[in-house]
PDB file of N, CA and C in Angstrom:
ATOM      1  N   MET A   1      92.434 103.442  83.375  1.00  0.00           N
ATOM      2  CA  MET A   1      92.623 104.670  84.122  1.00  0.00           C
ATOM      3  C   MET A   1      93.686 104.453  85.206  1.00  0.00           C
ATOM      4  N   THR A   2      94.616 105.356  85.294  1.00  0.00           N
ATOM      5  CA  THR A   2      95.715 105.252  86.243  1.00  0.00           C
ATOM      6  C   THR A   2      95.269 105.694  87.636  1.00  0.00           C
ATOM      7  N   ARG A   3      95.569 104.857  88.610  1.00  0.00           N
ATOM      8  CA  ARG A   3      95.265 105.225  89.997  1.00  0.00           C
ATOM      9  C   ARG A   3      96.363 106.157  90.506  1.00  0.00           C
ATOM     10  N   VAL A   4      95.948 107.173  91.232  1.00  0.00           N
ATOM     11  CA  VAL A   4      96.879 108.129  91.830  1.00  0.00           C
ATOM     12  C   VAL A   4      96.848 107.917  93.337  1.00  0.00           C
ATOM     13  N   PRO A   5      98.016 107.747  93.963  1.00  0.00           N
ATOM     14  CA  PRO A   5      98.031 107.557  95.416  1.00  0.00           C
ATOM     15  C   PRO A   5      97.431 108.757  96.146  1.00  0.00           C
ATOM     16  N   THR A   6      96.725 108.452  97.228  1.00  0.00           N
ATOM     17  CA  THR A   6      96.189 109.519  98.077  1.00  0.00           C
ATOM     18  C   THR A   6      97.119 109.789  99.256  1.00  0.00           C
ATOM     19  N   GLU A   7      97.983 108.812  99.557  1.00  0.00           N
ATOM     20  CA  GLU A   7      98.947 108.957 100.655  1.00  0.00           C
ATOM     21  C   GLU A   7     100.228 108.225 100.312  1.00  0.00           C
ATOM     22  N   LEU A   8     101.346 108.833 100.683  1.00  0.00           N
ATOM     23  CA  LEU A   8     102.661 108.187 100.638  1.00  0.00           C
ATOM     24  C   LEU A   8     103.280 108.407 102.010  1.00  0.00           C
ATOM     25  N   ASN A   9     103.535 107.340 102.738  1.00  0.00           N
ATOM     26  CA  ASN A   9     104.132 107.451 104.078  1.00  0.00           C
ATOM     27  C   ASN A   9     105.418 106.645 104.113  1.00  0.00           C
ATOM     28  N   LEU A  10     106.525 107.345 104.305  1.00  0.00           N
ATOM     29  CA  LEU A  10     107.824 106.696 104.384  1.00  0.00           C
ATOM     30  C   LEU A  10     108.118 106.331 105.832  1.00  0.00           C
ATOM     31  N   HIS A  11     108.343 105.056 106.067  1.00  0.00           N
ATOM     32  CA  HIS A  11     108.715 104.559 107.391  1.00  0.00           C
ATOM     33  C   HIS A  11     110.212 104.272 107.357  1.00  0.00           C
ATOM     34  N   ARG A  12     110.983 105.233 107.806  1.00  0.00           N
ATOM     35  CA  ARG A  12     112.446 105.163 107.676  1.00  0.00           C
ATOM     36  C   ARG A  12     113.058 103.995 108.453  1.00  0.00           C
ATOM     37  N   GLN A  13     112.581 103.752 109.644  1.00  0.00           N
ATOM     38  CA  GLN A  13     113.183 102.707 110.480  1.00  0.00           C
ATOM     39  C   GLN A  13     112.968 101.317 109.883  1.00  0.00           C
ATOM     40  N   SER A  14     111.775 101.064 109.362  1.00  0.00           N
ATOM     41  CA  SER A  14     111.484  99.745 108.792  1.00  0.00           C
ATOM     42  C   SER A  14     111.791  99.675 107.295  1.00  0.00           C
ATOM     43  N   HIS A  15     112.227 100.799 106.716  1.00  0.00           N
ATOM     44  CA  HIS A  15     112.584 100.853 105.290  1.00  0.00           C
ATOM     45  C   HIS A  15     111.410 100.429 104.409  1.00  0.00           C
ATOM     46  N   VAL A  16     110.254 101.041 104.645  1.00  0.00           N
ATOM     47  CA  VAL A  16     109.035 100.707 103.902  1.00  0.00           C
ATOM     48  C   VAL A  16     108.353 101.999 103.463  1.00  0.00           C
ATOM     49  N   LEU A  17     107.862 101.999 102.218  1.00  0.00           N
ATOM     50  CA  LEU A  17     107.023 103.087 101.735  1.00  0.00           C
ATOM     51  C   LEU A  17     105.605 102.561 101.676  1.00  0.00           C
ATOM     52  N   GLU A  18     104.724 103.186 102.446  1.00  0.00           N
ATOM     53  CA  GLU A  18     103.321 102.786 102.470  1.00  0.00           C
ATOM     54  C   GLU A  18     102.558 103.681 101.494  1.00  0.00           C
ATOM     55  N   ILE A  19     101.765 103.036 100.643  1.00  0.00           N
ATOM     56  CA  ILE A  19     101.015 103.748  99.611  1.00  0.00           C
ATOM     57  C   ILE A  19      99.535 103.431  99.783  1.00  0.00           C
ATOM     58  N   ALA A  20      98.711 104.478  99.799  1.00  0.00           N
ATOM     59  CA  ALA A  20      97.264 104.302  99.931  1.00  0.00           C
ATOM     60  C   ALA A  20      96.579 104.890  98.705  1.00  0.00           C
ATOM     61  N   TYR A  21      95.451 104.269  98.353  1.00  0.00           N
ATOM     62  CA  TYR A  21      94.653 104.721  97.218  1.00  0.00           C
ATOM     63  C   TYR A  21      93.236 105.044  97.672  1.00  0.00           C
ATOM     64  N   GLU A  22      92.541 105.801  96.847  1.00  0.00           N
ATOM     65  CA  GLU A  22      91.191 106.260  97.164  1.00  0.00           C
ATOM     66  C   GLU A  22      90.224 105.111  97.436  1.00  0.00           C
ATOM     67  N   ASP A  23      90.447 103.961  96.789  1.00  0.00           N
ATOM     68  CA  ASP A  23      89.541 102.816  96.962  1.00  0.00           C
ATOM     69  C   ASP A  23      89.755 102.087  98.288  1.00  0.00           C
ATOM     70  N   GLY A  24      90.683 102.611  99.116  1.00  0.00           N
ATOM     71  CA  GLY A  24      90.947 102.012 100.418  1.00  0.00           C
ATOM     72  C   GLY A  24      92.085 101.006 100.423  1.00  0.00           C
ATOM     73  N   SER A  25      92.610 100.676  99.261  1.00  0.00           N
ATOM     74  CA  SER A  25      93.722  99.720  99.223  1.00  0.00           C
ATOM     75  C   SER A  25      95.000 100.394  99.711  1.00  0.00           C
ATOM     76  N   ARG A  26      95.811  99.598 100.405  1.00  0.00           N
ATOM     77  CA  ARG A  26      97.076 100.069 100.970  1.00  0.00           C
ATOM     78  C   ARG A  26      98.145  99.029 100.662  1.00  0.00           C
ATOM     79  N   TYR A  27      99.334  99.505 100.382  1.00  0.00           N
ATOM     80  CA  TYR A  27     100.461  98.632 100.069  1.00  0.00           C
ATOM     81  C   TYR A  27     101.667  99.077 100.869  1.00  0.00           C
ATOM     82  N   SER A  28     102.457  98.107 101.304  1.00  0.00           N
ATOM     83  CA  SER A  28     103.708  98.387 101.995  1.00  0.00           C
ATOM     84  C   SER A  28     104.839  97.854 101.122  1.00  0.00           C
ATOM     85  N   LEU A  29     105.564  98.773 100.501  1.00  0.00           N
ATOM     86  CA  LEU A  29     106.628  98.390  99.583  1.00  0.00           C
ATOM     87  C   LEU A  29     107.986  98.626 100.237  1.00  0.00           C
ATOM     88  N   PRO A  30     108.770  97.561 100.418  1.00  0.00           N
ATOM     89  CA  PRO A  30     110.110  97.722 100.987  1.00  0.00           C
ATOM     90  C   PRO A  30     110.982  98.600 100.081  1.00  0.00           C
ATOM     91  N   CYS A  31     111.844  99.380 100.673  1.00  0.00           N
ATOM     92  CA  CYS A  31     112.749 100.232  99.903  1.00  0.00           C
ATOM     93  C   CYS A  31     113.610  99.388  98.961  1.00  0.00           C
ATOM     94  N   GLU A  32     114.037  98.230  99.422  1.00  0.00           N
ATOM     95  CA  GLU A  32     114.831  97.345  98.564  1.00  0.00           C
ATOM     96  C   GLU A  32     114.060  97.015  97.286  1.00  0.00           C
ATOM     97  N   TYR A  33     112.801  96.666  97.409  1.00  0.00           N
ATOM     98  CA  TYR A  33     111.951  96.335  96.266  1.00  0.00           C
ATOM     99  C   TYR A  33     111.852  97.523  95.305  1.00  0.00           C
ATOM    100  N   LEU A  34     111.611  98.712  95.849  1.00  0.00           N
ATOM    101  CA  LEU A  34     111.515  99.907  95.017  1.00  0.00           C
ATOM    102  C   LEU A  34     112.846 100.204  94.326  1.00  0.00           C
ATOM    103  N   ARG A  35     113.945  99.965  95.020  1.00  0.00           N
ATOM    104  CA  ARG A  35     115.274 100.246  94.448  1.00  0.00           C
ATOM    105  C   ARG A  35     115.616  99.272  93.326  1.00  0.00           C
ATOM    106  N   VAL A  36     115.356  97.983  93.536  1.00  0.00           N
ATOM    107  CA  VAL A  36     115.748  96.994  92.524  1.00  0.00           C
ATOM    108  C   VAL A  36     114.823  97.026  91.306  1.00  0.00           C
ATOM    109  N   TYR A  37     113.648  97.625  91.451  1.00  0.00           N
ATOM    110  CA  TYR A  37     112.742  97.809  90.316  1.00  0.00           C
ATOM    111  C   TYR A  37     112.660  99.273  89.898  1.00  0.00           C
ATOM    112  N   SER A  38     113.717 100.036  90.167  1.00  0.00           N
ATOM    113  CA  SER A  38     113.751 101.427  89.727  1.00  0.00           C
ATOM    114  C   SER A  38     113.526 101.485  88.216  1.00  0.00           C
ATOM    115  N   PRO A  39     112.725 102.441  87.763  1.00  0.00           N
ATOM    116  CA  PRO A  39     112.494 102.568  86.329  1.00  0.00           C
ATOM    117  C   PRO A  39     113.643 103.246  85.578  1.00  0.00           C
ATOM    118  N   SER A  40     114.749 103.493  86.241  1.00  0.00           N
ATOM    119  CA  SER A  40     115.882 104.180  85.622  1.00  0.00           C
ATOM    120  C   SER A  40     116.553 103.308  84.557  1.00  0.00           C
ATOM    121  N   ALA A  41     117.227 103.949  83.632  1.00  0.00           N
ATOM    122  CA  ALA A  41     117.983 103.232  82.601  1.00  0.00           C
ATOM    123  C   ALA A  41     119.123 102.430  83.239  1.00  0.00           C
ATOM    124  N   GLU A  42     119.655 102.918  84.348  1.00  0.00           N
ATOM    125  CA  GLU A  42     120.733 102.208  85.058  1.00  0.00           C
ATOM    126  C   GLU A  42     120.283 100.811  85.480  1.00  0.00           C
ATOM    127  N   VAL A  43     119.012 100.654  85.819  1.00  0.00           N
ATOM    128  CA  VAL A  43     118.460  99.382  86.263  1.00  0.00           C
ATOM    129  C   VAL A  43     117.764  98.654  85.110  1.00  0.00           C
ATOM    130  N   GLN A  44     116.929  99.366  84.356  1.00  0.00           N
ATOM    131  CA  GLN A  44     116.124  98.754  83.303  1.00  0.00           C
ATOM    132  C   GLN A  44     116.865  98.582  81.981  1.00  0.00           C
ATOM    133  N   GLY A  45     117.989  99.289  81.822  1.00  0.00           N
ATOM    134  CA  GLY A  45     118.680  99.276  80.544  1.00  0.00           C
ATOM    135  C   GLY A  45     117.949 100.170  79.559  1.00  0.00           C
ATOM    136  N   HIS A  46     118.353 100.078  78.308  1.00  0.00           N
ATOM    137  CA  HIS A  46     117.753 100.933  77.278  1.00  0.00           C
ATOM    138  C   HIS A  46     116.837 100.151  76.342  1.00  0.00           C
ATOM    139  N   GLY A  47     116.515  98.934  76.730  1.00  0.00           N
ATOM    140  CA  GLY A  47     115.624  98.125  75.921  1.00  0.00           C
ATOM    141  C   GLY A  47     115.428  96.764  76.546  1.00  0.00           C
ATOM    142  N   PRO A  48     114.496  95.990  76.019  1.00  0.00           N
ATOM    143  CA  PRO A  48     114.223  94.644  76.559  1.00  0.00           C
ATOM    144  C   PRO A  48     115.487  93.785  76.578  1.00  0.00           C
ATOM    145  N   GLY A  49     115.660  93.071  77.691  1.00  0.00           N
ATOM    146  CA  GLY A  49     116.813  92.186  77.842  1.00  0.00           C
ATOM    147  C   GLY A  49     118.064  92.875  78.346  1.00  0.00           C
ATOM    148  N   GLN A  50     117.997  94.172  78.592  1.00  0.00           N
ATOM    149  CA  GLN A  50     119.176  94.910  79.064  1.00  0.00           C
ATOM    150  C   GLN A  50     119.097  95.248  80.551  1.00  0.00           C
ATOM    151  N   GLU A  51     118.139  94.650  81.259  1.00  0.00           N
ATOM    152  CA  GLU A  51     117.980  94.910  82.682  1.00  0.00           C
ATOM    153  C   GLU A  51     119.249  94.500  83.429  1.00  0.00           C
ATOM    154  N   VAL A  52     119.564  95.250  84.476  1.00  0.00           N
ATOM    155  CA  VAL A  52     120.748  94.973  85.293  1.00  0.00           C
ATOM    156  C   VAL A  52     120.289  94.520  86.676  1.00  0.00           C
ATOM    157  N   LEU A  53     120.619  93.280  87.041  1.00  0.00           N
ATOM    158  CA  LEU A  53     120.245  92.745  88.350  1.00  0.00           C
ATOM    159  C   LEU A  53     120.936  93.558  89.443  1.00  0.00           C
ATOM    160  N   GLN A  54     120.149  94.049  90.372  1.00  0.00           N
ATOM    161  CA  GLN A  54     120.665  94.845  91.481  1.00  0.00           C
ATOM    162  C   GLN A  54     120.920  93.936  92.674  1.00  0.00           C
ATOM    163  N   VAL A  55     122.125  93.951  93.190  1.00  0.00           N
ATOM    164  CA  VAL A  55     122.471  93.116  94.346  1.00  0.00           C
ATOM    165  C   VAL A  55     122.979  94.009  95.475  1.00  0.00           C
ATOM    166  N   GLY A  56     122.884  93.494  96.697  1.00  0.00           N
ATOM    167  CA  GLY A  56     123.395  94.226  97.850  1.00  0.00           C
ATOM    168  C   GLY A  56     122.544  95.409  98.267  1.00  0.00           C
ATOM    169  N   LYS A  57     121.249  95.359  97.992  1.00  0.00           N
ATOM    170  CA  LYS A  57     120.367  96.492  98.309  1.00  0.00           C
ATOM    171  C   LYS A  57     119.471  96.222  99.515  1.00  0.00           C
ATOM    172  N   GLU A  58     119.803  95.199 100.302  1.00  0.00           N
ATOM    173  CA  GLU A  58     118.967  94.824 101.450  1.00  0.00           C
ATOM    174  C   GLU A  58     118.791  95.959 102.453  1.00  0.00           C
ATOM    175  N   ASP A  59     119.806  96.787 102.638  1.00  0.00           N
ATOM    176  CA  ASP A  59     119.769  97.843 103.658  1.00  0.00           C
ATOM    177  C   ASP A  59     119.446  99.228 103.101  1.00  0.00           C
ATOM    178  N   VAL A  60     119.126  99.306 101.817  1.00  0.00           N
ATOM    179  CA  VAL A  60     118.898 100.619 101.209  1.00  0.00           C
ATOM    180  C   VAL A  60     117.662 101.282 101.824  1.00  0.00           C
ATOM    181  N   GLY A  61     117.758 102.582 101.955  1.00  0.00           N
ATOM    182  CA  GLY A  61     116.646 103.372 102.462  1.00  0.00           C
ATOM    183  C   GLY A  61     116.348 104.504 101.495  1.00  0.00           C
ATOM    184  N   ILE A  62     115.302 105.226 101.781  1.00  0.00           N
ATOM    185  CA  ILE A  62     114.930 106.388 100.980  1.00  0.00           C
ATOM    186  C   ILE A  62     115.173 107.630 101.822  1.00  0.00           C
ATOM    187  N   ASP A  63     115.963 108.555 101.285  1.00  0.00           N
ATOM    188  CA  ASP A  63     116.232 109.819 101.976  1.00  0.00           C
ATOM    189  C   ASP A  63     115.101 110.818 101.794  1.00  0.00           C
ATOM    190  N   ARG A  64     114.581 110.888 100.561  1.00  0.00           N
ATOM    191  CA  ARG A  64     113.483 111.823 100.319  1.00  0.00           C
ATOM    192  C   ARG A  64     112.687 111.432  99.092  1.00  0.00           C
ATOM    193  N   ILE A  65     111.460 111.953  99.040  1.00  0.00           N
ATOM    194  CA  ILE A  65     110.545 111.718  97.932  1.00  0.00           C
ATOM    195  C   ILE A  65     110.249 113.068  97.303  1.00  0.00           C
ATOM    196  N   GLU A  66     110.502 113.172  96.020  1.00  0.00           N
ATOM    197  CA  GLU A  66     110.322 114.440  95.320  1.00  0.00           C
ATOM    198  C   GLU A  66     109.213 114.296  94.272  1.00  0.00           C
ATOM    199  N   PRO A  67     108.205 115.161  94.306  1.00  0.00           N
ATOM    200  CA  PRO A  67     107.166 115.097  93.280  1.00  0.00           C
ATOM    201  C   PRO A  67     107.730 115.477  91.911  1.00  0.00           C
ATOM    202  N   VAL A  68     107.208 114.844  90.873  1.00  0.00           N
ATOM    203  CA  VAL A  68     107.557 115.181  89.496  1.00  0.00           C
ATOM    204  C   VAL A  68     106.240 115.530  88.803  1.00  0.00           C
ATOM    205  N   GLY A  69     105.987 116.808  88.661  1.00  0.00           N
ATOM    206  CA  GLY A  69     104.719 117.254  88.089  1.00  0.00           C
ATOM    207  C   GLY A  69     103.551 116.665  88.853  1.00  0.00           C
ATOM    208  N   ASN A  70     102.498 116.332  88.134  1.00  0.00           N
ATOM    209  CA  ASN A  70     101.319 115.705  88.735  1.00  0.00           C
ATOM    210  C   ASN A  70     101.211 114.241  88.356  1.00  0.00           C
ATOM    211  N   TYR A  71     102.308 113.671  87.881  1.00  0.00           N
ATOM    212  CA  TYR A  71     102.229 112.326  87.328  1.00  0.00           C
ATOM    213  C   TYR A  71     103.208 111.318  87.910  1.00  0.00           C
ATOM    214  N   ALA A  72     104.114 111.750  88.802  1.00  0.00           N
ATOM    215  CA  ALA A  72     105.157 110.828  89.252  1.00  0.00           C
ATOM    216  C   ALA A  72     105.865 111.353  90.494  1.00  0.00           C
ATOM    217  N   ILE A  73     106.760 110.481  90.993  1.00  0.00           N
ATOM    218  CA  ILE A  73     107.676 110.870  92.071  1.00  0.00           C
ATOM    219  C   ILE A  73     109.075 110.379  91.716  1.00  0.00           C
ATOM    220  N   CYS A  74     110.049 111.049  92.285  1.00  0.00           N
ATOM    221  CA  CYS A  74     111.436 110.599  92.194  1.00  0.00           C
ATOM    222  C   CYS A  74     111.856 110.213  93.608  1.00  0.00           C
ATOM    223  N   LEU A  75     112.342 108.983  93.754  1.00  0.00           N
ATOM    224  CA  LEU A  75     112.807 108.511  95.054  1.00  0.00           C
ATOM    225  C   LEU A  75     114.315 108.699  95.132  1.00  0.00           C
ATOM    226  N   HIS A  76     114.761 109.351  96.178  1.00  0.00           N
ATOM    227  CA  HIS A  76     116.190 109.561  96.412  1.00  0.00           C
ATOM    228  C   HIS A  76     116.639 108.541  97.456  1.00  0.00           C
ATOM    229  N   PHE A  77     117.355 107.528  96.996  1.00  0.00           N
ATOM    230  CA  PHE A  77     117.809 106.453  97.876  1.00  0.00           C
ATOM    231  C   PHE A  77     119.122 106.834  98.547  1.00  0.00           C
ATOM    232  N   ASP A  78     119.377 106.234  99.697  1.00  0.00           N
ATOM    233  CA  ASP A  78     120.591 106.569 100.438  1.00  0.00           C
ATOM    234  C   ASP A  78     121.858 105.937  99.862  1.00  0.00           C
ATOM    235  N   ASP A  79     121.726 105.181  98.758  1.00  0.00           N
ATOM    236  CA  ASP A  79     122.919 104.680  98.060  1.00  0.00           C
ATOM    237  C   ASP A  79     123.254 105.589  96.870  1.00  0.00           C
ATOM    238  N   GLU A  80     122.684 106.808  96.891  1.00  0.00           N
ATOM    239  CA  GLU A  80     122.921 107.845  95.886  1.00  0.00           C
ATOM    240  C   GLU A  80     122.140 107.644  94.591  1.00  0.00           C
ATOM    241  N   HIS A  81     121.312 106.621  94.499  1.00  0.00           N
ATOM    242  CA  HIS A  81     120.508 106.415  93.286  1.00  0.00           C
ATOM    243  C   HIS A  81     119.293 107.335  93.347  1.00  0.00           C
ATOM    244  N   ASN A  82     119.093 108.119  92.285  1.00  0.00           N
ATOM    245  CA  ASN A  82     117.953 109.037  92.269  1.00  0.00           C
ATOM    246  C   ASN A  82     117.500 109.370  90.853  1.00  0.00           C
ATOM    247  N   THR A  83     117.752 108.486  89.908  1.00  0.00           N
ATOM    248  CA  THR A  83     117.423 108.806  88.516  1.00  0.00           C
ATOM    249  C   THR A  83     116.141 108.139  88.025  1.00  0.00           C
ATOM    250  N   GLY A  84     115.483 107.364  88.852  1.00  0.00           N
ATOM    251  CA  GLY A  84     114.241 106.720  88.428  1.00  0.00           C
ATOM    252  C   GLY A  84     113.042 107.605  88.669  1.00  0.00           C
ATOM    253  N   ILE A  85     112.222 107.783  87.649  1.00  0.00           N
ATOM    254  CA  ILE A  85     110.973 108.529  87.772  1.00  0.00           C
ATOM    255  C   ILE A  85     109.842 107.507  87.853  1.00  0.00           C
ATOM    256  N   TYR A  86     109.227 107.414  89.010  1.00  0.00           N
ATOM    257  CA  TYR A  86     108.150 106.446  89.271  1.00  0.00           C
ATOM    258  C   TYR A  86     106.814 107.092  88.921  1.00  0.00           C
ATOM    259  N   SER A  87     106.334 106.840  87.696  1.00  0.00           N
ATOM    260  CA  SER A  87     105.038 107.385  87.291  1.00  0.00           C
ATOM    261  C   SER A  87     103.964 106.716  88.139  1.00  0.00           C
ATOM    262  N   TRP A  88     102.786 107.337  88.211  1.00  0.00           N
ATOM    263  CA  TRP A  88     101.697 106.725  88.979  1.00  0.00           C
ATOM    264  C   TRP A  88     101.366 105.352  88.402  1.00  0.00           C
ATOM    265  N   GLU A  89     101.402 105.237  87.086  1.00  0.00           N
ATOM    266  CA  GLU A  89     101.113 103.955  86.438  1.00  0.00           C
ATOM    267  C   GLU A  89     102.133 102.889  86.845  1.00  0.00           C
ATOM    268  N   TYR A  90     103.422 103.239  86.833  1.00  0.00           N
ATOM    269  CA  TYR A  90     104.467 102.289  87.196  1.00  0.00           C
ATOM    270  C   TYR A  90     104.363 101.915  88.681  1.00  0.00           C
ATOM    271  N   LEU A  91     104.115 102.895  89.532  1.00  0.00           N
ATOM    272  CA  LEU A  91     103.976 102.641  90.969  1.00  0.00           C
ATOM    273  C   LEU A  91     102.789 101.715  91.235  1.00  0.00           C
ATOM    274  N   ASP A  92     101.696 101.928  90.528  1.00  0.00           N
ATOM    275  CA  ASP A  92     100.527 101.062  90.670  1.00  0.00           C
ATOM    276  C   ASP A  92     100.870  99.629  90.256  1.00  0.00           C
ATOM    277  N   ARG A  93     101.648  99.495  89.195  1.00  0.00           N
ATOM    278  CA  ARG A  93     102.087  98.162  88.755  1.00  0.00           C
ATOM    279  C   ARG A  93     102.941  97.494  89.836  1.00  0.00           C
ATOM    280  N   LEU A  94     103.861  98.264  90.443  1.00  0.00           N
ATOM    281  CA  LEU A  94     104.692  97.708  91.518  1.00  0.00           C
ATOM    282  C   LEU A  94     103.832  97.266  92.700  1.00  0.00           C
ATOM    283  N   CYS A  95     102.764  97.999  92.958  1.00  0.00           N
ATOM    284  CA  CYS A  95     101.851  97.626  94.047  1.00  0.00           C
ATOM    285  C   CYS A  95     101.074  96.361  93.693  1.00  0.00           C
ATOM    286  N   SER A  96     100.409  96.389  92.566  1.00  0.00           N
ATOM    287  CA  SER A  96      99.508  95.285  92.212  1.00  0.00           C
ATOM    288  C   SER A  96     100.239  93.996  91.863  1.00  0.00           C
ATOM    289  N   GLN A  97     101.497  94.087  91.455  1.00  0.00           N
ATOM    290  CA  GLN A  97     102.254  92.889  91.072  1.00  0.00           C
ATOM    291  C   GLN A  97     103.399  92.592  92.046  1.00  0.00           C
ATOM    292  N   GLN A  98     103.296  93.127  93.255  1.00  0.00           N
ATOM    293  CA  GLN A  98     104.394  93.019  94.212  1.00  0.00           C
ATOM    294  C   GLN A  98     104.819  91.575  94.461  1.00  0.00           C
ATOM    295  N   GLU A  99     103.889  90.695  94.715  1.00  0.00           N
ATOM    296  CA  GLU A  99     104.230  89.311  95.039  1.00  0.00           C
ATOM    297  C   GLU A  99     104.974  88.638  93.880  1.00  0.00           C
ATOM    298  N   THR A 100     104.477  88.793  92.676  1.00  0.00           N
ATOM    299  CA  THR A 100     105.081  88.182  91.495  1.00  0.00           C
ATOM    300  C   THR A 100     106.455  88.772  91.199  1.00  0.00           C
ATOM    301  N   LEU A 101     106.556  90.101  91.244  1.00  0.00           N
ATOM    302  CA  LEU A 101     107.823  90.762  90.941  1.00  0.00           C
ATOM    303  C   LEU A 101     108.886  90.439  91.991  1.00  0.00           C
ATOM    304  N   TRP A 102     108.490  90.393  93.264  1.00  0.00           N
ATOM    305  CA  TRP A 102     109.445  90.088  94.333  1.00  0.00           C
ATOM    306  C   TRP A 102     109.979  88.664  94.166  1.00  0.00           C
ATOM    307  N   LYS A 103     109.094  87.721  93.865  1.00  0.00           N
ATOM    308  CA  LYS A 103     109.517  86.336  93.660  1.00  0.00           C
ATOM    309  C   LYS A 103     110.475  86.247  92.477  1.00  0.00           C
ATOM    310  N   SER A 104     110.180  86.956  91.416  1.00  0.00           N
ATOM    311  CA  SER A 104     111.040  86.974  90.236  1.00  0.00           C
ATOM    312  C   SER A 104     112.430  87.504  90.587  1.00  0.00           C
ATOM    313  N   TYR A 105     112.474  88.573  91.383  1.00  0.00           N
ATOM    314  CA  TYR A 105     113.749  89.148  91.827  1.00  0.00           C
ATOM    315  C   TYR A 105     114.541  88.138  92.658  1.00  0.00           C
ATOM    316  N   LEU A 106     113.878  87.493  93.611  1.00  0.00           N
ATOM    317  CA  LEU A 106     114.564  86.497  94.447  1.00  0.00           C
ATOM    318  C   LEU A 106     115.067  85.330  93.610  1.00  0.00           C
ATOM    319  N   ASP A 107     114.287  84.899  92.633  1.00  0.00           N
ATOM    320  CA  ASP A 107     114.715  83.827  91.725  1.00  0.00           C
ATOM    321  C   ASP A 107     115.933  84.254  90.920  1.00  0.00           C
ATOM    322  N   ASP A 108     115.930  85.493  90.429  1.00  0.00           N
ATOM    323  CA  ASP A 108     117.076  86.004  89.663  1.00  0.00           C
ATOM    324  C   ASP A 108     118.336  86.062  90.526  1.00  0.00           C
ATOM    325  N   LEU A 109     118.180  86.485  91.791  1.00  0.00           N
ATOM    326  CA  LEU A 109     119.332  86.514  92.698  1.00  0.00           C
ATOM    327  C   LEU A 109     119.885  85.113  92.906  1.00  0.00           C
ATOM    328  N   GLU A 110     118.987  84.161  93.116  1.00  0.00           N
ATOM    329  CA  GLU A 110     119.412  82.782  93.336  1.00  0.00           C
ATOM    330  C   GLU A 110     120.146  82.238  92.110  1.00  0.00           C
ATOM    331  N   GLN A 111     119.619  82.499  90.937  1.00  0.00           N
ATOM    332  CA  GLN A 111     120.264  82.036  89.697  1.00  0.00           C
ATOM    333  C   GLN A 111     121.640  82.662  89.523  1.00  0.00           C
ATOM    334  N   ALA A 112     121.795  83.892  90.010  1.00  0.00           N
ATOM    335  CA  ALA A 112     123.086  84.580  89.918  1.00  0.00           C
ATOM    336  C   ALA A 112     124.049  84.137  91.019  1.00  0.00           C
ATOM    337  N   GLY A 113     123.567  83.303  91.953  1.00  0.00           N
ATOM    338  CA  GLY A 113     124.412  82.828  93.039  1.00  0.00           C
ATOM    339  C   GLY A 113     124.580  83.829  94.167  1.00  0.00           C
ATOM    340  N   TYR A 114     123.692  84.809  94.246  1.00  0.00           N
ATOM    341  CA  TYR A 114     123.785  85.822  95.297  1.00  0.00           C
ATOM    342  C   TYR A 114     122.934  85.424  96.493  1.00  0.00           C
ATOM    343  N   GLN A 115     123.517  85.499  97.665  1.00  0.00           N
ATOM    344  CA  GLN A 115     122.820  85.198  98.918  1.00  0.00           C
ATOM    345  C   GLN A 115     122.440  86.506  99.601  1.00  0.00           C
ATOM    346  N   ARG A 116     121.137  86.763  99.715  1.00  0.00           N
ATOM    347  CA  ARG A 116     120.679  87.980 100.397  1.00  0.00           C
ATOM    348  C   ARG A 116     121.061  87.949 101.867  1.00  0.00           C
ATOM    349  N   LYS A 117     121.417  89.119 102.386  1.00  0.00           N
ATOM    350  CA  LYS A 117     121.709  89.252 103.815  1.00  0.00           C
ATOM    351  C   LYS A 117     120.443  89.668 104.531  1.00  0.00           C
ATOM    352  N   SER A 118     120.280  89.230 105.743  1.00  0.00           N
ATOM    353  CA  SER A 118     119.127  89.660 106.550  1.00  0.00           C
ATOM    354  C   SER A 118     119.348  91.101 106.961  1.00  0.00           C
ATOM    355  N   ARG A 119     118.292  91.896 106.866  1.00  0.00           N
ATOM    356  CA  ARG A 119     118.359  93.291 107.300  1.00  0.00           C
ATOM    357  C   ARG A 119     118.317  93.355 108.817  1.00  0.00           C
ATOM    358  N   PRO A 120     119.215  94.122 109.440  1.00  0.00           N
ATOM    359  CA  PRO A 120     119.155  94.247 110.903  1.00  0.00           C
ATOM    360  C   PRO A 120     117.860  94.907 111.345  1.00  0.00           C
ATOM    361  N   SER A 121     117.338  94.462 112.459  1.00  0.00           N
ATOM    362  CA  SER A 121     116.063  95.026 112.980  1.00  0.00           C
ATOM    363  C   SER A 121     116.304  96.304 113.731  1.00  0.00           C
TER     364      SER A 121
END
């Protein structure tokens, strides 16, 4: 059964989307994390092995959150990316697997020779 968020709170200054669920669990997902794991074809490709590593997204923010029916949201990022539809199922996966997925992303950046920049406070 897919969990549906009960709250979505965008913290623009800290670039974090806070997600709450009925069971009391809460997650703080950085905008960078949401952007680099966008479910869009631009990021995921059109099939396995076609994923495109996203670099330079340390400072990305979210301009707005748009509902998509009763099953998803579309995040409009300030780098003009807005084609990913985040289903409740996909968003739940990003929440529950955040630590593993983030480590995988950092490992991929390192393998590509990309040095992340620190986000200004």
